Amino acid sequence: MKTPLRVIVLGEGKDERGKSRTLPPFARIPHEQQGAMEILVRRALYPLLNDGQSWHRGLKDGDGIHVLQPPAPRLPRQPAMTELLTDPNALAPLVSAALKPLRGPVHADLLVATHDKDGAHPSAIKAVHVVNTSLGTHVPLLLPAPEIQAWLTRKRAIEHVYGREHCSVPEPDEEALKKDAKAELLRLLSTFGGRFNAKIQASLAEWISAEDLPRYDWSGWNQASDELKAALAAHGLDSMEP
């Protein structure tokens, strides 16, 4: 049995399925409490660690990838994740606590930063670069374009999650997805009165097919896989040993 890969995912939005997580830092997050980006990171990592095999829903908590609760920032006030991801001074302590603690064991094998590819993403690129350079780490930065919903908005996934009949949901408009993916997802849901929340988004991340995820090359999914592959190689994690 392979040693589980311990991963922490830092994202802009909610990191759970609509309910506040009360897990302590570095605790393993059960699949049912993971948010969309955490599930998508697992889906991107799984083929890299398993000879190209695709992740599937039957794996759930048994895919050999343990997503851990991020450490809490030790700051006078609780900043938004967008602030943390674009400020190297705020981001560095989180990376250090996970990958290079001053004392005690290393808590995670990999920390992944994510940020929508919007107007603020150059600041995130700079912050992650500064932190990696100063700490000697290799934190990959995933940039869904224009936002995470561009990875999730596929008619068949929507039909599965909402229990709709096959071909009852229209195909997404690619140009609309490029401009505002969340708005396009909401438009498709409005055709049958579907509601959207963090739990639904996580379910879409679980149901979307391996063939649909890379459909739009401009969305950044393939680049995300490349970033994770490079990070695994940098940390010597290409293949987890027993």
Protein backbone atom coordinates (compact mmCIF):
# COMPACT_ATOMS: atom_id res chain seq x y z
CA MET A 1 0.00 0.00 0.00
CA LYS A 2 1.34 3.40 -0.97
CA THR A 3 2.00 6.10 1.58
CA PRO A 4 -0.82 8.67 1.33
CA LEU A 5 0.08 12.01 -0.20
CA ARG A 6 -0.75 14.78 2.29
CA VAL A 7 -1.97 17.92 0.52
CA ILE A 8 -3.14 21.34 1.67
CA VAL A 9 -5.14 23.48 -0.78
CA LEU A 10 -5.38 27.24 -0.38
CA GLY A 11 -8.19 28.73 -2.46
CA GLU A 12 -10.06 32.01 -2.77
CA GLY A 13 -13.52 30.82 -1.87
CA LYS A 14 -15.11 28.49 0.64
CA ASP A 15 -12.96 25.50 1.46
CA GLU A 16 -15.88 23.29 2.45
CA ARG A 17 -19.37 22.26 1.40
CA GLY A 18 -21.42 25.07 2.87
CA LYS A 19 -20.87 24.32 6.58
CA SER A 20 -18.12 25.73 8.76
CA ARG A 21 -15.37 23.19 9.29
CA THR A 22 -14.25 22.84 12.89
CA LEU A 23 -11.28 20.59 12.19
CA PRO A 24 -7.93 21.48 13.78
CA PRO A 25 -5.07 22.55 11.51
CA PHE A 26 -3.53 19.68 9.51
CA ALA A 27 -6.38 17.26 10.31
CA ARG A 28 -7.49 15.09 7.41
CA ILE A 29 -10.67 16.43 5.78
CA PRO A 30 -13.27 13.76 4.93
CA HIS A 31 -14.37 13.70 1.31
CA GLU A 32 -17.88 14.88 2.18
CA GLN A 33 -16.46 18.05 3.76
CA GLN A 34 -14.12 18.94 0.91
CA GLY A 35 -14.81 21.85 -1.38
CA ALA A 36 -14.70 21.88 -5.17
CA MET A 37 -11.08 23.00 -5.51
CA GLU A 38 -9.86 20.38 -3.03
CA ILE A 39 -11.63 17.65 -5.01
CA LEU A 40 -10.30 18.99 -8.31
CA VAL A 41 -6.74 19.05 -6.98
CA ARG A 42 -7.12 15.40 -5.98
CA ARG A 43 -8.48 14.62 -9.43
CA ALA A 44 -5.49 16.30 -11.09
CA LEU A 45 -2.98 14.58 -8.79
CA TYR A 46 -4.39 11.07 -9.00
CA PRO A 47 -3.32 10.29 -12.60
CA LEU A 48 0.14 11.69 -11.89
CA LEU A 49 0.59 9.24 -9.01
CA ASN A 50 -1.13 6.25 -10.64
CA ASP A 51 0.31 5.78 -14.12
CA GLY A 52 -2.27 7.98 -15.84
CA GLN A 53 -5.38 6.30 -14.41
CA SER A 54 -8.34 8.64 -14.08
CA TRP A 55 -9.87 9.46 -10.70
CA HIS A 56 -13.45 8.24 -10.29
CA ARG A 57 -16.19 8.76 -7.71
CA GLY A 58 -15.82 5.26 -6.30
CA LEU A 59 -12.44 6.20 -4.87
CA LYS A 60 -13.68 9.03 -2.64
CA ASP A 61 -11.66 8.64 0.59
CA GLY A 62 -9.62 5.76 -0.84
CA ASP A 63 -7.56 7.45 -3.54
CA GLY A 64 -4.36 7.70 -1.49
CA ILE A 65 -4.54 11.50 -1.34
CA HIS A 66 -5.27 13.05 2.05
CA VAL A 67 -6.46 16.66 1.96
CA LEU A 68 -5.56 18.44 5.19
CA GLN A 69 -7.12 21.41 6.94
CA PRO A 70 -4.97 24.50 6.27
CA PRO A 71 -3.27 26.21 9.21
CA ALA A 72 -4.97 29.33 10.53
CA PRO A 73 -3.18 32.62 9.86
CA ARG A 74 -1.74 34.16 13.02
CA LEU A 75 -2.74 37.74 12.33
CA PRO A 76 -4.58 40.39 14.39
CA ARG A 77 -7.60 40.00 12.11
CA GLN A 78 -8.82 37.18 9.90
CA PRO A 79 -8.00 38.26 6.33
CA ALA A 80 -9.86 37.04 3.26
CA MET A 81 -8.10 34.28 1.33
CA THR A 82 -7.68 36.64 -1.60
CA GLU A 83 -5.56 38.85 0.64
CA LEU A 84 -3.44 35.95 1.85
CA LEU A 85 -2.81 34.65 -1.65
CA THR A 86 -1.57 38.01 -2.90
CA ASP A 87 0.53 39.03 0.11
CA PRO A 88 3.83 37.14 0.51
CA ASN A 89 4.18 38.30 4.11
CA ALA A 90 0.83 36.69 5.00
CA LEU A 91 1.31 33.63 2.78
CA ALA A 92 4.83 32.72 3.94
CA PRO A 93 3.86 31.72 7.51
CA LEU A 94 1.20 29.34 6.19
CA VAL A 95 3.63 27.70 3.78
CA SER A 96 6.32 27.50 6.45
CA ALA A 97 3.96 25.97 9.03
CA ALA A 98 2.93 23.25 6.57
CA LEU A 99 6.17 22.46 4.76
CA LYS A 100 9.04 23.89 6.84
CA PRO A 101 8.01 24.24 10.49
CA LEU A 102 10.54 25.73 12.89
CA ARG A 103 10.13 22.70 15.13
CA GLY A 104 8.32 19.40 15.02
CA PRO A 105 7.41 17.20 12.05
CA VAL A 106 6.53 18.36 8.56
CA HIS A 107 2.74 18.30 8.33
CA ALA A 108 2.19 18.10 4.56
CA ASP A 109 3.93 16.80 1.47
CA LEU A 110 2.49 19.44 -0.83
CA LEU A 111 0.76 22.80 -0.51
CA VAL A 112 -1.20 24.04 -3.52
CA ALA A 113 -2.25 27.67 -4.00
CA THR A 114 -5.13 28.54 -6.32
CA HIS A 115 -6.44 31.85 -7.62
CA ASP A 116 -8.93 32.79 -10.30
CA LYS A 117 -7.21 34.18 -13.38
CA ASP A 118 -8.69 37.63 -13.00
CA GLY A 119 -7.21 41.10 -12.56
CA ALA A 120 -5.56 40.18 -9.23
CA HIS A 121 -3.78 37.03 -10.37
CA PRO A 122 -0.44 38.76 -11.20
CA SER A 123 -0.18 39.67 -7.51
CA ALA A 124 -0.76 36.03 -6.58
CA ILE A 125 1.91 34.89 -9.05
CA LYS A 126 4.36 37.35 -7.51
CA ALA A 127 3.47 36.39 -3.92
CA VAL A 128 3.89 32.66 -4.54
CA HIS A 129 7.19 33.26 -6.35
CA VAL A 130 8.52 35.37 -3.49
CA VAL A 131 7.53 32.75 -0.92
CA ASN A 132 9.01 29.86 -2.91
CA THR A 133 12.26 31.77 -3.41
CA SER A 134 12.62 32.83 0.22
CA LEU A 135 11.65 29.46 1.74
CA GLY A 136 13.12 27.15 -0.89
CA THR A 137 9.75 25.52 -1.46
CA HIS A 138 7.84 24.62 -4.62
CA VAL A 139 4.25 25.69 -4.07
CA PRO A 140 2.34 25.37 -7.38
CA LEU A 141 -0.19 28.05 -8.28
CA LEU A 142 -3.26 26.92 -10.20
CA LEU A 143 -5.09 29.59 -12.18
CA PRO A 144 -8.54 28.58 -13.49
CA ALA A 145 -9.57 30.97 -16.26
CA PRO A 146 -11.60 33.02 -15.78
CA GLU A 147 -12.65 31.21 -12.57
CA ILE A 148 -13.24 27.74 -11.15
CA GLN A 149 -16.73 27.47 -12.70
CA ALA A 150 -15.05 27.19 -16.13
CA TRP A 151 -13.80 23.78 -14.95
CA LEU A 152 -17.21 22.70 -13.68
CA THR A 153 -19.84 23.95 -16.13
CA ARG A 154 -20.65 20.91 -18.27
CA LYS A 155 -24.18 19.80 -19.13
CA ARG A 156 -23.78 16.13 -18.15
CA ALA A 157 -22.31 16.97 -14.74
CA ILE A 158 -25.19 19.37 -14.10
CA GLU A 159 -27.70 16.70 -15.11
CA HIS A 160 -26.14 14.17 -12.75
CA VAL A 161 -25.94 16.51 -9.76
CA TYR A 162 -29.46 17.88 -10.17
CA GLY A 163 -31.07 14.60 -11.20
CA ARG A 164 -32.07 15.89 -14.63
CA GLU A 165 -32.73 13.67 -17.63
CA HIS A 166 -30.02 13.22 -20.25
CA CYS A 167 -29.91 16.13 -22.71
CA SER A 168 -32.34 18.19 -20.62
CA VAL A 169 -29.69 20.85 -19.86
CA PRO A 170 -28.29 22.96 -22.72
CA GLU A 171 -24.63 22.99 -23.69
CA PRO A 172 -22.70 25.91 -22.18
CA ASP A 173 -21.82 28.81 -24.44
CA GLU A 174 -18.02 28.76 -24.69
CA GLU A 175 -17.65 32.50 -25.26
CA ALA A 176 -19.88 33.21 -22.27
CA LEU A 177 -17.77 30.85 -20.15
CA LYS A 178 -14.62 32.73 -21.17
CA LYS A 179 -16.16 36.01 -20.09
CA ASP A 180 -17.94 35.05 -16.85
CA ALA A 181 -18.09 31.32 -16.10
CA LYS A 182 -20.17 31.63 -12.94
CA ALA A 183 -22.79 33.71 -14.77
CA GLU A 184 -22.96 31.09 -17.53
CA LEU A 185 -23.40 28.31 -14.97
CA LEU A 186 -26.20 30.26 -13.29
CA ARG A 187 -27.84 30.78 -16.70
CA LEU A 188 -27.88 27.03 -17.34
CA LEU A 189 -29.31 26.37 -13.89
CA SER A 190 -32.03 28.95 -14.47
CA THR A 191 -33.40 26.85 -17.34
CA PHE A 192 -34.84 24.45 -14.75
CA GLY A 193 -34.80 26.48 -11.54
CA GLY A 194 -31.62 24.94 -10.11
CA ARG A 195 -29.94 26.59 -7.13
CA PHE A 196 -26.20 27.02 -6.67
CA ASN A 197 -24.10 26.87 -3.50
CA ALA A 198 -20.79 25.52 -2.17
CA LYS A 199 -22.16 22.00 -1.71
CA ILE A 200 -23.46 21.88 -5.28
CA GLN A 201 -20.15 23.18 -6.61
CA ALA A 202 -18.29 20.40 -4.78
CA SER A 203 -20.71 17.84 -6.22
CA LEU A 204 -20.06 19.14 -9.73
CA ALA A 205 -16.32 18.73 -9.12
CA GLU A 206 -16.98 15.11 -8.17
CA TRP A 207 -19.32 14.27 -11.07
CA ILE A 208 -17.67 15.98 -14.02
CA SER A 209 -16.10 13.42 -16.33
CA ALA A 210 -12.38 13.09 -16.98
CA GLU A 211 -13.12 13.78 -20.65
CA ASP A 212 -15.03 16.99 -19.93
CA LEU A 213 -12.51 18.56 -17.54
CA PRO A 214 -9.88 19.41 -20.20
CA ARG A 215 -12.42 20.30 -22.92
CA TYR A 216 -11.53 24.00 -23.01
CA ASP A 217 -7.78 24.42 -23.26
CA TRP A 218 -8.04 28.13 -22.43
CA SER A 219 -9.51 27.29 -18.98
CA GLY A 220 -6.14 26.29 -17.54
CA TRP A 221 -6.97 22.71 -16.49
CA ASN A 222 -4.12 21.18 -18.49
CA GLN A 223 -1.72 23.80 -17.18
CA ALA A 224 -2.82 22.92 -13.64
CA SER A 225 -1.80 19.32 -14.25
CA ASP A 226 1.59 20.49 -15.52
CA GLU A 227 2.08 22.69 -12.43
CA LEU A 228 1.27 19.81 -10.09
CA LYS A 229 3.51 17.43 -12.01
CA ALA A 230 6.43 19.85 -11.65
CA ALA A 231 5.73 20.31 -7.94
CA LEU A 232 5.64 16.56 -7.32
CA ALA A 233 8.94 16.15 -9.13
CA ALA A 234 10.52 19.03 -7.19
CA HIS A 235 9.56 17.38 -3.90
CA GLY A 236 10.50 13.87 -5.05
CA LEU A 237 6.88 12.77 -4.86
CA ASP A 238 6.42 11.47 -8.40
CA SER A 239 5.61 8.03 -7.02
CA MET A 240 4.62 7.52 -3.40
CA GLU A 241 6.51 4.57 -1.95
CA PRO A 242 5.07 2.03 0.53
